[in-house]
Amino acid sequence: MDAYGHVNNAVFIRYLEEARIDFLFRPDKEFKQGSVVARHEIDYKRQLVHRHHPVDIELWITEIRAASFTITYEVKDDDLVYVRASTVVVPFDFDAGRPRRITAEERDFLEEYRDDKEEAVAA
């Protein structure tokens, strides 16, 4: 919460990170080789005041390339959207210290959640 009583813009980055980690690192589907964030884009639609109950974060995949993919999000309550955002994620080989290509297994996983029309699929 910031001085105005609403959730600070930097906190939304943390919310998106938590949703992204929950999505990518589930026990049954995991980006085992690692990934890094290349870009965030956030549109703040309305303020979210401090409260004790959580908001919903829906995410889906809007683009898959050879060595990156885009996750799109909505932070919301029912039909009330606070934030629309996207993150470009790059698979990364930490041993080599450089980006890598998406594996076939990773692509298959991402395709399950792909929606080019940007209609939300709950994660």
Protein backbone atom coordinates (compact mmCIF):
# COMPACT_ATOMS: atom_id res chain seq x y z
CA MET A 1 0.00 0.00 0.00
CA ASP A 2 1.29 3.46 -0.77
CA ALA A 3 0.60 6.84 0.84
CA TYR A 4 -2.76 7.10 -0.97
CA GLY A 5 -4.07 3.81 0.44
CA HIS A 6 -3.96 1.82 -2.76
CA VAL A 7 -1.74 -1.00 -3.96
CA ASN A 8 1.50 0.49 -5.29
CA ASN A 9 2.40 -0.05 -8.94
CA ALA A 10 5.54 -2.01 -7.99
CA VAL A 11 3.43 -4.47 -5.99
CA PHE A 12 1.59 -5.44 -9.16
CA ILE A 13 4.91 -6.68 -10.58
CA ARG A 14 5.16 -8.99 -7.57
CA TYR A 15 1.57 -10.21 -8.11
CA LEU A 16 2.38 -11.01 -11.75
CA GLU A 17 5.57 -12.78 -10.72
CA GLU A 18 3.72 -14.98 -8.24
CA ALA A 19 1.12 -15.93 -10.87
CA ARG A 20 3.83 -16.61 -13.48
CA ILE A 21 5.85 -18.81 -11.10
CA ASP A 22 2.74 -20.76 -10.09
CA PHE A 23 1.99 -21.28 -13.78
CA LEU A 24 5.47 -22.23 -15.03
CA PHE A 25 6.79 -24.25 -12.11
CA ARG A 26 3.98 -26.65 -11.27
CA PRO A 27 5.07 -30.15 -10.30
CA ASP A 28 3.55 -31.70 -13.43
CA LYS A 29 4.73 -29.02 -15.91
CA GLU A 30 7.98 -27.27 -15.28
CA PHE A 31 10.41 -25.06 -17.11
CA LYS A 32 13.27 -27.09 -15.62
CA GLN A 33 16.02 -25.43 -17.59
CA GLY A 34 15.16 -21.90 -16.42
CA SER A 35 13.83 -18.66 -17.84
CA VAL A 36 14.20 -14.90 -17.42
CA VAL A 37 11.90 -11.92 -17.92
CA ALA A 38 12.81 -9.81 -20.95
CA ARG A 39 9.96 -7.28 -20.80
CA HIS A 40 6.93 -6.20 -18.77
CA GLU A 41 4.11 -4.06 -20.10
CA ILE A 42 1.39 -2.92 -17.68
CA ASP A 43 -1.78 -0.90 -18.18
CA TYR A 44 -3.23 0.31 -14.90
CA LYS A 45 -7.01 0.51 -15.42
CA ARG A 46 -8.20 1.48 -11.91
CA GLN A 47 -6.82 1.71 -8.42
CA LEU A 48 -6.90 -1.29 -6.14
CA VAL A 49 -7.33 -0.24 -2.54
CA HIS A 50 -5.72 -2.18 0.28
CA ARG A 51 -7.86 -5.06 1.53
CA HIS A 52 -7.53 -8.43 3.22
CA HIS A 53 -9.00 -10.68 0.50
CA PRO A 54 -7.11 -11.59 -2.68
CA VAL A 55 -7.73 -10.53 -6.24
CA ASP A 56 -7.93 -12.97 -9.13
CA ILE A 57 -5.16 -13.14 -11.70
CA GLU A 58 -5.99 -14.80 -14.99
CA LEU A 59 -3.20 -15.52 -17.41
CA TRP A 60 -2.81 -17.04 -20.82
CA ILE A 61 -0.22 -17.31 -23.58
CA THR A 62 -0.59 -14.90 -26.51
CA GLU A 63 2.61 -15.58 -28.43
CA ILE A 64 5.14 -18.40 -28.73
CA ARG A 65 8.33 -17.84 -30.67
CA ALA A 66 11.45 -19.97 -31.05
CA ALA A 67 13.21 -18.48 -28.03
CA SER A 68 10.53 -16.49 -26.17
CA PHE A 69 6.87 -16.45 -25.26
CA THR A 70 4.41 -13.86 -24.02
CA ILE A 71 2.16 -14.27 -21.00
CA THR A 72 -0.82 -11.92 -20.80
CA TYR A 73 -2.63 -11.24 -17.52
CA GLU A 74 -5.66 -9.56 -16.00
CA VAL A 75 -5.73 -8.67 -12.31
CA LYS A 76 -9.41 -8.47 -11.48
CA ASP A 77 -12.50 -9.12 -9.39
CA ASP A 78 -15.17 -10.77 -11.53
CA ASP A 79 -15.53 -8.29 -14.45
CA LEU A 80 -13.73 -5.39 -12.72
CA VAL A 81 -10.20 -5.20 -14.19
CA TYR A 82 -7.50 -3.35 -12.25
CA VAL A 83 -4.52 -4.20 -14.45
CA ARG A 84 -3.89 -5.68 -17.89
CA ALA A 85 -0.30 -6.73 -18.42
CA SER A 86 2.04 -8.88 -20.45
CA THR A 87 5.46 -10.37 -19.87
CA VAL A 88 7.92 -11.61 -22.47
CA VAL A 89 9.74 -14.61 -21.02
CA VAL A 90 12.96 -15.99 -22.50
CA PRO A 91 14.08 -19.55 -21.76
CA PHE A 92 17.60 -19.31 -20.39
CA ASP A 93 20.55 -21.67 -20.05
CA PHE A 94 22.13 -20.54 -16.78
CA ASP A 95 25.17 -22.80 -17.19
CA ALA A 96 25.99 -21.26 -20.57
CA GLY A 97 24.83 -17.78 -19.52
CA ARG A 98 22.65 -17.21 -22.59
CA PRO A 99 19.11 -17.58 -23.95
CA ARG A 100 18.04 -20.91 -25.36
CA ARG A 101 15.27 -22.21 -27.59
CA ILE A 102 11.95 -23.46 -26.22
CA THR A 103 11.96 -27.26 -26.00
CA ALA A 104 9.24 -29.34 -27.67
CA GLU A 105 7.86 -30.30 -24.25
CA GLU A 106 7.72 -26.65 -23.17
CA ARG A 107 6.02 -25.63 -26.43
CA ASP A 108 3.38 -28.34 -26.00
CA PHE A 109 2.69 -27.11 -22.46
CA LEU A 110 2.43 -23.45 -23.56
CA GLU A 111 0.15 -24.33 -26.48
CA GLU A 112 -2.41 -25.70 -23.99
CA TYR A 113 -2.84 -22.14 -22.67
CA ARG A 114 -2.48 -20.21 -25.91
CA ASP A 115 -5.19 -17.78 -26.91
CA ASP A 116 -4.33 -15.34 -29.69
CA LYS A 117 -7.67 -13.60 -29.25
CA GLU A 118 -6.68 -12.60 -25.68
CA GLU A 119 -9.67 -14.28 -24.10
CA ALA A 120 -8.68 -15.25 -20.59
CA VAL A 121 -8.02 -18.85 -19.62
CA ALA A 122 -7.79 -19.25 -15.86
CA ALA A 123 -4.50 -20.70 -14.68
